[in-house]
Amino acid sequence: MIAVFWDNADFSRGVGTTFYQEFSTLNTAKPPFVRDVEAKVRRYLRSSYSAAWTLKITWEKAPVHAARTDTQKTITYQAVLTTDGFRSYILMLYQDGGMQWDYTRLTSTNVLIGYTSGDGFYHNDDLIKRPPAAKYRPDQFRGYNTDLRGLWIYKLESRVGNNYRLKCLAWTGQQQEPRAWSQGLPTCPCSLQQGQQDPRFKSSRHGAGVRCLYDSQSQLLEGRQERYWRPSRQASPSRDQELKLYDWCCNRAGSAHLCARYSEKRPKIGCDGYQSPSMDSSEEAENDSDEQRDEEDK
């Protein structure tokens, strides 16, 4: 939870507004606003940073709660939440001269500025320990990590782990559509025995192939077209790149939406229309016999 300026505002009289803008910049060009956010993080936190997602929220001319007739003294401030999928930051900006609430008329002066991680850790900014004349005018004080008036920057996480959602999003965003490499790939055999006897199961001219999974009764469970096929495979995500991608998107990411995106890039297949080589040979032999009889009848 993030407290940019946690106190009671009142928009019920039609004065002031709140709006937001989202920037998803993974595998896309970045607008000037996002580039500016990146520059601030790099400069003040001395960290190499490339944003994958950014959210800007603005509270503009917000009146104090129960303002009644006094709606002229408002506050304007902004929160910018940004992440590269591993590290997350919050930028808090307070408009110079825009924090105008009359704190002498407030029933309580307990504004909060800070954040909590949700696991018991929290940070309250030192400014809120000061008298109301200070903590209700953050636009006039130098912010945390920046030493600039009205600008605070917090790093929100203490540990950096694997973000499998981001890994999956980045991978799916870079993949070709299957039609570019799946030409000529067969359907799966309906049984494991058929597959073991079928010599056609080898990679296509694009290096692609199919993976067919069977149950204990040797019946087909599921098949997929895969972009990179090797004749010798280790059935482990740590040793098989295609299994690793499936593991990211459908197991570790914890998102049905991302698993569906994976399936768009690695389509499921069944055994509809499968014919074993022996059936194909029998049909060819039968056709040859029919042609021979036709010749004899002429």
Protein backbone atom coordinates (compact mmCIF):
# COMPACT_ATOMS: atom_id res chain seq x y z
CA MET A 1 0.00 0.00 0.00
CA ILE A 2 1.28 3.44 -0.93
CA ALA A 3 0.34 6.64 0.90
CA VAL A 4 1.20 9.59 -1.31
CA PHE A 5 -0.83 12.04 0.78
CA TRP A 6 -3.16 9.98 2.95
CA ASP A 7 -5.89 12.25 4.30
CA ASN A 8 -9.58 12.91 3.70
CA ALA A 9 -10.44 14.69 0.47
CA ASP A 10 -13.97 15.40 -0.77
CA PHE A 11 -14.87 15.43 -4.49
CA SER A 12 -18.64 15.35 -3.90
CA ARG A 13 -19.19 19.07 -4.70
CA GLY A 14 -17.86 18.78 -8.25
CA VAL A 15 -14.55 20.46 -7.45
CA GLY A 16 -11.32 18.66 -8.31
CA THR A 17 -10.73 15.37 -10.08
CA THR A 18 -8.57 12.26 -10.14
CA PHE A 19 -7.25 10.65 -13.31
CA TYR A 20 -4.65 8.11 -14.32
CA GLN A 21 -2.65 6.94 -17.33
CA GLU A 22 -1.04 3.54 -17.86
CA PHE A 23 2.10 2.94 -19.92
CA SER A 24 2.94 -0.63 -20.94
CA THR A 25 6.39 -0.40 -22.50
CA LEU A 26 7.59 -4.00 -22.66
CA ASN A 27 8.85 -4.60 -26.23
CA THR A 28 7.49 -1.20 -27.34
CA ALA A 29 8.78 2.33 -27.87
CA LYS A 30 8.71 4.54 -24.78
CA PRO A 31 7.01 7.94 -24.69
CA PRO A 32 8.89 10.96 -23.29
CA PHE A 33 7.12 10.72 -19.92
CA VAL A 34 8.40 7.18 -19.29
CA ARG A 35 11.90 8.11 -20.45
CA ASP A 36 11.85 10.96 -17.94
CA VAL A 37 10.80 8.59 -15.15
CA GLU A 38 13.64 6.23 -16.06
CA ALA A 39 16.10 9.13 -16.05
CA LYS A 40 15.02 10.17 -12.55
CA VAL A 41 15.41 6.65 -11.18
CA ARG A 42 18.84 6.29 -12.77
CA ARG A 43 20.00 9.68 -11.56
CA TYR A 44 18.78 9.74 -7.98
CA LEU A 45 18.98 6.05 -7.12
CA ARG A 46 22.06 5.38 -9.27
CA SER A 47 20.48 2.32 -10.79
CA SER A 48 20.35 1.10 -14.38
CA TYR A 49 16.65 0.96 -15.09
CA SER A 50 14.35 0.27 -18.04
CA ALA A 51 10.63 0.46 -17.29
CA ALA A 52 8.30 -2.31 -18.45
CA TRP A 53 5.15 -0.79 -16.94
CA THR A 54 4.33 2.61 -15.45
CA LEU A 55 1.18 4.05 -13.90
CA LYS A 56 0.65 7.78 -13.38
CA ILE A 57 -2.13 8.93 -11.02
CA THR A 58 -2.96 12.60 -10.51
CA TRP A 59 -5.11 14.22 -7.84
CA GLU A 60 -5.92 17.68 -9.16
CA LYS A 61 -7.36 20.49 -7.00
CA ALA A 62 -8.71 18.09 -4.38
CA PRO A 63 -10.75 19.91 -1.67
CA VAL A 64 -10.44 18.89 1.95
CA HIS A 65 -13.22 16.71 3.40
CA ALA A 66 -16.23 18.71 4.68
CA ALA A 67 -14.92 21.82 2.94
CA ARG A 68 -18.45 23.24 2.69
CA THR A 69 -18.06 26.70 1.19
CA ASP A 70 -14.23 26.73 1.26
CA THR A 71 -13.32 24.88 -1.93
CA GLN A 72 -10.62 27.31 -3.07
CA LYS A 73 -7.84 25.85 -0.96
CA THR A 74 -7.13 22.58 -2.72
CA ILE A 75 -4.18 20.24 -3.22
CA THR A 76 -2.60 18.85 -6.39
CA TYR A 77 -0.15 15.97 -6.34
CA GLN A 78 0.85 12.91 -8.32
CA ALA A 79 2.04 9.33 -7.88
CA VAL A 80 4.07 7.46 -10.49
CA LEU A 81 4.42 3.71 -9.93
CA THR A 82 6.96 2.05 -12.23
CA THR A 83 8.53 -1.40 -12.53
CA ASP A 84 10.83 -3.40 -14.79
CA GLY A 85 9.25 -6.58 -13.47
CA PHE A 86 11.97 -7.10 -10.89
CA ARG A 87 12.42 -3.73 -9.22
CA SER A 88 9.62 -1.30 -8.41
CA TYR A 89 9.69 2.40 -7.56
CA ILE A 90 7.22 5.06 -6.52
CA LEU A 91 7.71 8.71 -7.41
CA MET A 92 5.67 11.18 -5.38
CA LEU A 93 5.35 14.68 -6.81
CA TYR A 94 3.71 17.64 -5.10
CA GLN A 95 2.85 20.68 -7.21
CA ASP A 96 4.85 23.74 -6.21
CA GLY A 97 2.38 26.04 -4.44
CA GLY A 98 -0.40 23.49 -5.05
CA MET A 99 -0.71 22.07 -1.51
CA GLN A 100 -3.12 24.65 -0.07
CA TRP A 101 -5.31 22.97 2.55
CA ASP A 102 -5.88 25.12 5.65
CA TYR A 103 -4.52 22.70 8.22
CA THR A 104 -5.58 25.02 11.07
CA ARG A 105 -9.21 24.13 10.35
CA LEU A 106 -8.76 20.35 10.20
CA THR A 107 -10.30 18.23 12.92
CA SER A 108 -7.14 16.06 12.87
CA THR A 109 -3.74 16.51 11.28
CA ASN A 110 -2.64 12.92 10.79
CA VAL A 111 -1.63 12.91 7.12
CA LEU A 112 0.54 9.95 6.09
CA ILE A 113 3.31 9.81 3.50
CA GLY A 114 5.05 6.47 2.97
CA TYR A 115 4.35 2.86 2.05
CA THR A 116 3.93 -0.65 3.42
CA SER A 117 5.05 -3.83 1.70
CA GLY A 118 2.18 -5.94 3.02
CA ASP A 119 4.47 -8.36 4.87
CA GLY A 120 4.85 -6.26 7.99
CA PHE A 121 7.45 -3.82 6.68
CA TYR A 122 6.49 -0.17 6.37
CA HIS A 123 8.16 3.20 6.03
CA ASN A 124 6.66 6.50 7.13
CA ASP A 125 8.43 9.57 5.83
CA ASP A 126 10.18 11.71 8.43
CA LEU A 127 8.22 14.74 7.25
CA ILE A 128 5.02 13.50 8.95
CA LYS A 129 6.78 13.73 12.35
CA ARG A 130 6.97 17.49 11.93
CA PRO A 131 4.26 20.08 12.77
CA PRO A 132 1.24 20.49 10.44
CA ALA A 133 2.76 23.63 8.94
CA ALA A 134 5.47 21.40 7.48
CA LYS A 135 3.82 18.06 6.77
CA TYR A 136 0.86 19.65 4.97
CA ARG A 137 3.26 21.51 2.61
CA PRO A 138 5.47 18.73 1.13
CA ASP A 139 5.86 20.84 -2.02
CA GLN A 140 8.10 23.17 0.01
CA PHE A 141 10.47 20.49 1.34
CA ARG A 142 13.25 18.40 -0.15
CA GLY A 143 12.11 14.88 -0.91
CA TYR A 144 13.43 11.49 0.07
CA ASN A 145 16.32 10.24 -2.12
CA THR A 146 16.25 13.32 -4.39
CA ASP A 147 17.04 16.42 -2.32
CA LEU A 148 14.61 18.23 -4.62
CA ARG A 149 11.61 20.18 -3.40
CA GLY A 150 8.38 18.29 -3.91
CA LEU A 151 9.86 15.05 -5.33
CA TRP A 152 10.13 11.80 -3.34
CA ILE A 153 11.39 8.48 -4.77
CA TYR A 154 11.14 5.18 -2.92
CA LYS A 155 12.38 1.77 -3.94
CA LEU A 156 9.53 -0.53 -2.97
CA GLU A 157 11.09 -3.98 -2.77
CA SER A 158 14.01 -5.23 -0.74
CA ARG A 159 14.65 -8.50 -2.58
CA VAL A 160 14.79 -9.15 -6.31
CA GLY A 161 13.50 -12.54 -7.46
CA ASN A 162 12.39 -14.15 -10.69
CA ASN A 163 9.35 -12.54 -12.27
CA TYR A 164 7.94 -15.33 -14.41
CA ARG A 165 5.04 -13.19 -15.61
CA LEU A 166 7.48 -10.72 -17.09
CA LYS A 167 9.61 -13.50 -18.57
CA CYS A 168 6.52 -14.97 -20.25
CA LEU A 169 5.31 -11.57 -21.52
CA ALA A 170 8.74 -10.73 -22.92
CA TRP A 171 9.01 -14.10 -24.64
CA THR A 172 5.50 -14.09 -26.18
CA GLY A 173 6.04 -10.53 -27.39
CA GLN A 174 9.11 -11.59 -29.38
CA GLN A 175 7.73 -14.76 -30.94
CA GLN A 176 6.72 -15.25 -34.56
CA GLU A 177 3.23 -16.41 -35.35
CA PRO A 178 3.15 -20.23 -35.68
CA ARG A 179 2.12 -20.07 -39.33
CA ALA A 180 5.66 -18.85 -40.08
CA TRP A 181 7.24 -22.15 -38.98
CA SER A 182 4.55 -24.83 -38.59
CA GLN A 183 4.00 -25.77 -42.25
CA GLY A 184 4.13 -29.50 -42.79
CA LEU A 185 3.98 -30.50 -39.14
CA PRO A 186 1.92 -33.69 -38.62
CA THR A 187 -0.84 -34.30 -36.11
CA CYS A 188 -0.07 -36.54 -33.15
CA PRO A 189 -0.56 -40.30 -33.35
CA CYS A 190 -3.56 -41.32 -31.28
CA SER A 191 -1.54 -43.92 -29.37
CA LEU A 192 2.03 -44.20 -28.19
CA GLN A 193 2.49 -47.42 -30.18
CA GLN A 194 1.55 -45.63 -33.40
CA GLY A 195 4.06 -42.90 -32.67
CA GLN A 196 6.85 -45.38 -31.95
CA GLN A 197 6.25 -47.07 -35.31
CA ASP A 198 5.93 -43.83 -37.31
CA PRO A 199 9.25 -42.78 -38.92
CA ARG A 200 7.85 -39.43 -40.02
CA PHE A 201 8.31 -37.81 -36.62
CA LYS A 202 11.30 -35.61 -37.22
CA SER A 203 11.83 -31.85 -37.36
CA SER A 204 10.41 -29.80 -40.20
CA ARG A 205 12.50 -27.73 -42.60
CA HIS A 206 12.04 -24.82 -40.17
CA GLY A 207 13.51 -26.83 -37.27
CA ALA A 208 10.08 -27.15 -35.63
CA GLY A 209 8.36 -30.26 -34.37
CA VAL A 210 5.50 -31.63 -32.30
CA ARG A 211 5.40 -32.90 -28.72
CA CYS A 212 2.81 -35.60 -28.00
CA LEU A 213 2.04 -36.66 -24.43
CA TYR A 214 0.42 -40.03 -23.60
CA ASP A 215 -1.21 -41.49 -20.48
CA SER A 216 -0.47 -44.80 -18.79
CA GLN A 217 -2.81 -46.50 -21.27
CA SER A 218 -0.71 -45.13 -24.15
CA GLN A 219 -3.56 -42.83 -25.26
CA LEU A 220 -2.94 -39.26 -26.35
CA LEU A 221 -3.37 -36.65 -23.62
CA GLU A 222 -2.19 -33.52 -25.41
CA GLY A 223 -0.05 -32.41 -28.30
CA ARG A 224 1.66 -29.13 -29.14
CA GLN A 225 3.50 -27.62 -32.03
CA GLU A 226 6.92 -26.38 -30.92
CA ARG A 227 9.30 -24.00 -32.63
CA TYR A 228 12.55 -25.70 -31.64
CA TRP A 229 12.75 -29.46 -31.88
CA ARG A 230 15.60 -31.80 -30.94
CA PRO A 231 15.51 -35.57 -31.49
CA SER A 232 17.02 -36.20 -28.04
CA ARG A 233 15.21 -34.47 -25.17
CA GLN A 234 15.43 -34.34 -21.42
CA ALA A 235 11.93 -34.03 -19.94
CA SER A 236 12.88 -31.26 -17.54
CA PRO A 237 12.36 -27.47 -17.74
CA SER A 238 16.01 -27.00 -16.72
CA ARG A 239 17.25 -28.98 -19.75
CA ASP A 240 14.59 -28.44 -22.39
CA GLN A 241 14.04 -24.86 -23.62
CA GLU A 242 10.52 -25.54 -24.86
CA LEU A 243 9.49 -27.07 -21.52
CA LYS A 244 11.07 -24.11 -19.73
CA LEU A 245 8.85 -21.70 -21.66
CA TYR A 246 5.76 -23.74 -20.81
CA ASP A 247 6.83 -23.81 -17.16
CA TRP A 248 7.21 -20.01 -17.07
CA CYS A 249 3.85 -19.22 -18.64
CA CYS A 250 1.57 -22.01 -17.44
CA ASN A 251 3.01 -23.03 -14.07
CA ARG A 252 5.11 -20.36 -12.40
CA ALA A 253 3.35 -17.24 -13.68
CA GLY A 254 0.08 -18.30 -12.04
CA SER A 255 -2.00 -16.70 -14.79
CA ALA A 256 -4.54 -18.39 -17.06
CA HIS A 257 -4.24 -15.41 -19.40
CA LEU A 258 -0.49 -15.91 -19.84
CA CYS A 259 -0.93 -19.64 -20.34
CA ALA A 260 -3.44 -18.83 -23.09
CA ARG A 261 -0.89 -16.48 -24.68
CA TYR A 262 1.63 -19.31 -24.57
CA SER A 263 -0.85 -21.53 -26.42
CA GLU A 264 -1.17 -18.88 -29.13
CA LYS A 265 2.57 -19.21 -29.79
CA ARG A 266 2.71 -22.99 -29.25
CA PRO A 267 -0.67 -24.27 -30.53
CA LYS A 268 -2.30 -27.38 -29.14
CA ILE A 269 -2.94 -30.24 -31.55
CA GLY A 270 -4.76 -33.58 -31.35
CA CYS A 271 -4.80 -36.74 -33.43
CA ASP A 272 -7.73 -35.85 -35.71
CA GLY A 273 -6.91 -36.97 -39.23
CA TYR A 274 -3.87 -39.00 -38.22
CA GLN A 275 -3.02 -41.88 -40.53
CA SER A 276 -0.18 -44.29 -39.88
CA PRO A 277 2.36 -44.97 -42.65
CA SER A 278 0.95 -48.52 -43.07
CA MET A 279 -2.51 -47.07 -43.80
CA ASP A 280 -1.01 -44.67 -46.31
CA SER A 281 0.85 -47.54 -48.02
CA SER A 282 -2.29 -49.69 -48.12
CA GLU A 283 -4.28 -46.88 -49.70
CA GLU A 284 -1.54 -46.31 -52.29
CA ALA A 285 -1.39 -50.04 -53.07
CA GLU A 286 -5.19 -50.17 -53.40
CA ASN A 287 -5.15 -47.17 -55.74
CA ASP A 288 -2.41 -48.82 -57.81
CA SER A 289 -4.50 -52.02 -58.09
CA ASP A 290 -7.55 -50.06 -59.18
CA GLU A 291 -5.52 -48.29 -61.85
CA GLN A 292 -4.09 -51.61 -63.04
CA ARG A 293 -7.58 -53.16 -63.37
CA ASP A 294 -8.74 -50.13 -65.30
CA GLU A 295 -5.86 -50.58 -67.71
CA GLU A 296 -6.70 -54.29 -68.18
CA ASP A 297 -10.36 -53.51 -68.89
CA LYS A 298 -9.40 -51.11 -71.71
